[in-house]
C-alpha atoms as a PDB file:
ATOM      1  CA  SER A   1       0.000   0.000   0.000  1.00  0.00           C
ATOM      2  CA  VAL A   2       1.096   3.547  -0.684  1.00  0.00           C
ATOM      3  CA  ASP A   3       1.591   5.891   2.228  1.00  0.00           C
ATOM      4  CA  ASP A   4      -0.637   8.978   2.088  1.00  0.00           C
ATOM      5  CA  ASN A   5       2.338  11.218   2.916  1.00  0.00           C
ATOM      6  CA  CYS A   6       4.434   9.986  -0.013  1.00  0.00           C
ATOM      7  CA  ILE A   7       4.876  12.141  -3.050  1.00  0.00           C
ATOM      8  CA  PRO A   8       4.255  10.148  -6.216  1.00  0.00           C
ATOM      9  CA  VAL A   9       7.312   9.996  -8.402  1.00  0.00           C
ATOM     10  CA  PRO A  10       6.784   9.557 -12.138  1.00  0.00           C
ATOM     11  CA  THR A  11       8.630   6.683 -13.725  1.00  0.00           C
ATOM     12  CA  ILE A  12      10.805   7.348 -16.728  1.00  0.00           C
ATOM     13  CA  HIS A  13      11.399   4.677 -19.340  1.00  0.00           C
ATOM     14  CA  VAL A  14      15.109   4.261 -19.903  1.00  0.00           C
ATOM     15  CA  HIS A  15      16.399   2.498 -22.997  1.00  0.00           C
ATOM     16  CA  SER A  16      17.343  -1.042 -21.982  1.00  0.00           C
ATOM     17  CA  ASN A  17      20.667  -1.231 -23.848  1.00  0.00           C
ATOM     18  CA  LYS A  18      23.365  -0.147 -21.437  1.00  0.00           C
ATOM     19  CA  SER A  19      26.716   1.054 -22.634  1.00  0.00           C
ATOM     20  CA  PRO A  20      29.886  -0.516 -21.254  1.00  0.00           C
ATOM     21  CA  LEU A  21      31.298   0.804 -17.976  1.00  0.00           C
ATOM     22  CA  TRP A  22      34.474   2.213 -19.575  1.00  0.00           C
ATOM     23  CA  LEU A  23      32.354   4.201 -22.019  1.00  0.00           C
ATOM     24  CA  ARG A  24      30.190   5.676 -19.265  1.00  0.00           C
ATOM     25  CA  ILE A  25      33.250   6.591 -17.170  1.00  0.00           C
ATOM     26  CA  THR A  26      34.964   8.176 -20.183  1.00  0.00           C
ATOM     27  CA  SER A  27      31.849  10.184 -21.031  1.00  0.00           C
ATOM     28  CA  ILE A  28      31.486  11.426 -17.466  1.00  0.00           C
ATOM     29  CA  ALA A  29      35.188  12.351 -17.266  1.00  0.00           C
ATOM     30  CA  CYS A  30      35.030  14.253 -20.570  1.00  0.00           C
ATOM     31  CA  GLY A  31      31.858  16.041 -19.491  1.00  0.00           C
ATOM     32  CA  GLY A  32      33.664  17.034 -16.294  1.00  0.00           C
ATOM     33  CA  GLY A  33      36.543  18.251 -18.449  1.00  0.00           C
ATOM     34  CA  LEU A  34      34.128  20.460 -20.378  1.00  0.00           C
ATOM     35  CA  LEU A  35      32.878  21.954 -17.112  1.00  0.00           C
ATOM     36  CA  ILE A  36      36.363  22.447 -15.660  1.00  0.00           C
ATOM     37  CA  GLY A  37      37.669  23.970 -18.892  1.00  0.00           C
ATOM     38  CA  GLY A  38      34.645  26.254 -19.187  1.00  0.00           C
ATOM     39  CA  ALA A  39      35.055  27.432 -15.593  1.00  0.00           C
ATOM     40  CA  TYR A  40      38.779  27.937 -16.194  1.00  0.00           C
ATOM     41  CA  ASP A  41      38.011  30.103 -19.232  1.00  0.00           C
ATOM     42  CA  VAL A  42      35.544  32.180 -17.221  1.00  0.00           C
ATOM     43  CA  PHE A  43      37.660  32.808 -14.115  1.00  0.00           C
ATOM     44  CA  MET A  44      41.253  32.893 -15.416  1.00  0.00           C
ATOM     45  CA  PRO A  45      42.929  35.601 -17.506  1.00  0.00           C
ATOM     46  CA  VAL A  46      42.756  35.296 -21.272  1.00  0.00           C
ATOM     47  CA  TRP A  47      46.494  34.668 -21.743  1.00  0.00           C
ATOM     48  CA  MET A  48      46.490  31.590 -19.475  1.00  0.00           C
ATOM     49  CA  THR A  49      45.651  28.273 -21.114  1.00  0.00           C
ATOM     50  CA  GLY A  50      43.722  25.617 -19.259  1.00  0.00           C
ATOM     51  CA  PRO A  51      45.158  22.390 -17.909  1.00  0.00           C
ATOM     52  CA  ASN A  52      46.484  20.334 -20.812  1.00  0.00           C
ATOM     53  CA  VAL A  53      45.538  16.651 -20.979  1.00  0.00           C
ATOM     54  CA  ILE A  54      45.870  15.312 -24.529  1.00  0.00           C
ATOM     55  CA  THR A  55      46.836  18.414 -26.511  1.00  0.00           C
ATOM     56  CA  ASN A  56      48.008  21.951 -25.762  1.00  0.00           C
ATOM     57  CA  ALA A  57      44.501  23.250 -26.468  1.00  0.00           C
ATOM     58  CA  GLY A  58      43.355  22.450 -22.930  1.00  0.00           C
ATOM     59  CA  ILE A  59      41.025  20.115 -21.077  1.00  0.00           C
ATOM     60  CA  HIS A  60      37.899  21.803 -22.443  1.00  0.00           C
ATOM     61  CA  GLN A  61      38.782  21.129 -26.078  1.00  0.00           C
ATOM     62  CA  ASP A  62      40.218  17.675 -25.325  1.00  0.00           C
ATOM     63  CA  GLY A  63      37.014  16.599 -23.582  1.00  0.00           C
ATOM     64  CA  ALA A  64      34.931  17.912 -26.474  1.00  0.00           C
ATOM     65  CA  MET A  65      37.128  16.047 -28.973  1.00  0.00           C
ATOM     66  CA  VAL A  66      36.724  12.709 -27.161  1.00  0.00           C
ATOM     67  CA  LEU A  67      32.971  13.239 -26.742  1.00  0.00           C
ATOM     68  CA  PHE A  68      32.736  14.120 -30.439  1.00  0.00           C
ATOM     69  CA  LEU A  69      34.471  10.868 -31.385  1.00  0.00           C
ATOM     70  CA  LEU A  70      32.323   8.775 -29.007  1.00  0.00           C
ATOM     71  CA  THR A  71      29.118  10.416 -30.244  1.00  0.00           C
ATOM     72  CA  ALA A  72      30.090   9.962 -33.897  1.00  0.00           C
ATOM     73  CA  VAL A  73      30.874   6.276 -33.361  1.00  0.00           C
ATOM     74  CA  ASN A  74      27.635   5.746 -31.417  1.00  0.00           C
ATOM     75  CA  PHE A  75      25.586   7.606 -34.051  1.00  0.00           C
ATOM     76  CA  THR A  76      27.107   5.566 -36.884  1.00  0.00           C
ATOM     77  CA  ALA A  77      26.796   2.250 -35.035  1.00  0.00           C
ATOM     78  CA  THR A  78      23.146   2.928 -34.203  1.00  0.00           C
ATOM     79  CA  LYS A  79      22.318   3.735 -37.822  1.00  0.00           C
ATOM     80  CA  LEU A  80      24.141   0.610 -39.073  1.00  0.00           C
ATOM     81  CA  LYS A  81      22.399  -1.539 -36.475  1.00  0.00           C
ATOM     82  CA  VAL A  82      19.001  -0.165 -37.500  1.00  0.00           C
ATOM     83  CA  ASN A  83      19.730  -0.874 -41.176  1.00  0.00           C
ATOM     84  CA  ASN A  84      20.888  -4.440 -40.413  1.00  0.00           C
ATOM     85  CA  VAL A  85      17.933  -5.170 -38.117  1.00  0.00           C
ATOM     86  CA  GLY A  86      15.470  -3.682 -40.575  1.00  0.00           C
ATOM     87  CA  ASN A  87      16.844  -5.822 -43.417  1.00  0.00           C
ATOM     88  CA  SER A  88      16.895  -9.047 -41.399  1.00  0.00           C
ATOM     89  CA  MET A  89      13.423  -8.782 -39.834  1.00  0.00           C
ATOM     90  CA  SER A  90      10.921 -11.304 -41.083  1.00  0.00           C
ATOM     91  CA  SER A  91       7.357 -11.940 -40.013  1.00  0.00           C
ATOM     92  CA  THR A  92       6.636 -15.380 -38.578  1.00  0.00           C
ATOM     93  CA  ASP A  93       3.670 -16.989 -36.890  1.00  0.00           C
ATOM     94  CA  ASN A  94       5.568 -17.876 -33.719  1.00  0.00           C
ATOM     95  CA  ASP A  95       4.365 -15.769 -30.746  1.00  0.00           C
ATOM     96  CA  GLU A  96       7.879 -15.504 -29.321  1.00  0.00           C
ATOM     97  CA  ASP A  97       9.249 -14.124 -32.585  1.00  0.00           C
ATOM     98  CA  VAL A  98       6.358 -11.671 -32.829  1.00  0.00           C
ATOM     99  CA  ASN A  99       7.192 -10.317 -29.358  1.00  0.00           C
ATOM    100  CA  VAL A 100      10.856 -10.013 -30.304  1.00  0.00           C
ATOM    101  CA  ASN A 101       9.903  -8.211 -33.524  1.00  0.00           C
ATOM    102  CA  LYS A 102       7.740  -5.752 -31.539  1.00  0.00           C
ATOM    103  CA  ASP A 103      10.727  -4.947 -29.309  1.00  0.00           C
ATOM    104  CA  VAL A 104      12.976  -4.568 -32.342  1.00  0.00           C
ATOM    105  CA  ASN A 105      10.405  -2.322 -34.031  1.00  0.00           C
ATOM    106  CA  ARG A 106      10.288  -0.101 -30.924  1.00  0.00           C
ATOM    107  CA  ASP A 107      14.104   0.152 -30.909  1.00  0.00           C
ATOM    108  CA  VAL A 108      14.186   0.861 -34.644  1.00  0.00           C
ATOM    109  CA  SER A 109      11.547   3.595 -34.359  1.00  0.00           C
ATOM    110  CA  PHE A 110      13.469   5.126 -31.422  1.00  0.00           C
ATOM    111  CA  ALA A 111      16.729   5.153 -33.374  1.00  0.00           C
ATOM    112  CA  THR A 112      15.190   6.478 -36.607  1.00  0.00           C
ATOM    113  CA  ASP A 113      13.196   9.254 -34.962  1.00  0.00           C
ATOM    114  CA  PRO A 114      13.928  12.408 -37.005  1.00  0.00           C
ATOM    115  CA  THR A 115      13.961  14.619 -33.911  1.00  0.00           C
ATOM    116  CA  ARG A 116      16.557  12.398 -32.233  1.00  0.00           C
ATOM    117  CA  THR A 117      18.660  12.347 -35.390  1.00  0.00           C
ATOM    118  CA  LEU A 118      18.518  16.141 -35.680  1.00  0.00           C
ATOM    119  CA  LEU A 119      19.526  16.554 -32.027  1.00  0.00           C
ATOM    120  CA  GLN A 120      22.451  14.150 -32.444  1.00  0.00           C
ATOM    121  CA  MET A 121      23.618  16.014 -35.531  1.00  0.00           C
ATOM    122  CA  SER A 122      23.399  19.312 -33.631  1.00  0.00           C
ATOM    123  CA  LEU A 123      25.367  17.780 -30.754  1.00  0.00           C
ATOM    124  CA  LEU A 124      28.049  16.603 -33.173  1.00  0.00           C
ATOM    125  CA  ALA A 125      28.293  20.084 -34.706  1.00  0.00           C
ATOM    126  CA  GLU A 126      28.632  21.759 -31.300  1.00  0.00           C
ATOM    127  CA  LEU A 127      31.197  19.252 -30.043  1.00  0.00           C
ATOM    128  CA  TYR A 128      33.199  19.714 -33.242  1.00  0.00           C
ATOM    129  CA  LYS A 129      33.250  23.487 -32.805  1.00  0.00           C
ATOM    130  CA  LEU A 130      34.280  23.119 -29.151  1.00  0.00           C
ATOM    131  CA  GLY A 131      37.007  20.584 -29.881  1.00  0.00           C
ATOM    132  CA  GLU A 132      38.177  21.933 -33.211  1.00  0.00           C
ATOM    133  CA  SER A 133      41.598  23.072 -31.979  1.00  0.00           C
ATOM    134  CA  SER A 134      42.304  19.679 -30.384  1.00  0.00           C
ATOM    135  CA  ILE A 135      41.118  17.847 -33.491  1.00  0.00           C
ATOM    136  CA  ASP A 136      43.372  20.036 -35.656  1.00  0.00           C
ATOM    137  CA  GLU A 137      46.387  19.425 -33.402  1.00  0.00           C
ATOM    138  CA  VAL A 138      45.869  15.649 -33.313  1.00  0.00           C
ATOM    139  CA  ALA A 139      45.286  15.518 -37.086  1.00  0.00           C
ATOM    140  CA  SER A 140      48.444  17.526 -37.797  1.00  0.00           C
ATOM    141  CA  LYS A 141      50.503  15.278 -35.494  1.00  0.00           C
ATOM    142  CA  ILE A 142      49.159  12.167 -37.219  1.00  0.00           C
ATOM    143  CA  LEU A 143      49.780  13.595 -40.688  1.00  0.00           C
ATOM    144  CA  GLY A 144      53.234  14.791 -39.617  1.00  0.00           C
ATOM    145  CA  PHE A 145      54.075  11.266 -38.485  1.00  0.00           C
ATOM    146  CA  PHE A 146      53.334   9.849 -41.931  1.00  0.00           C
ATOM    147  CA  MET A 147      54.998  12.631 -43.951  1.00  0.00           C
END
């Protein structure tokens, strides 16, 4: 029974596919790097660069670069998975397969939602702009290694 003094809390449906622990930790660390770098830019003089982690651009740009790469990989993998699942789905009379197909259809519709796709593309554009100096430095070091 529910206590009369309790405040009802709405439940939120969370997508059942969990990402690996290393990916979640990396994402949280890079998000923290964005916050630290942003605070450093706000409170420190212009001529001082932030703490450098991967490149000389600072922790803010390095975190944005890693988040950009993780988001791009996730975006691409999700789209490839949706295409593969959509091509391999077949309708059968088995009740178990029908239930599985309903779950797959829900996941496919979630991943192909145009609003979600537009938001992910906007996130990629913003992360690229934030991490552009780190991406340029890493790209020039890689190209310099091969030249």
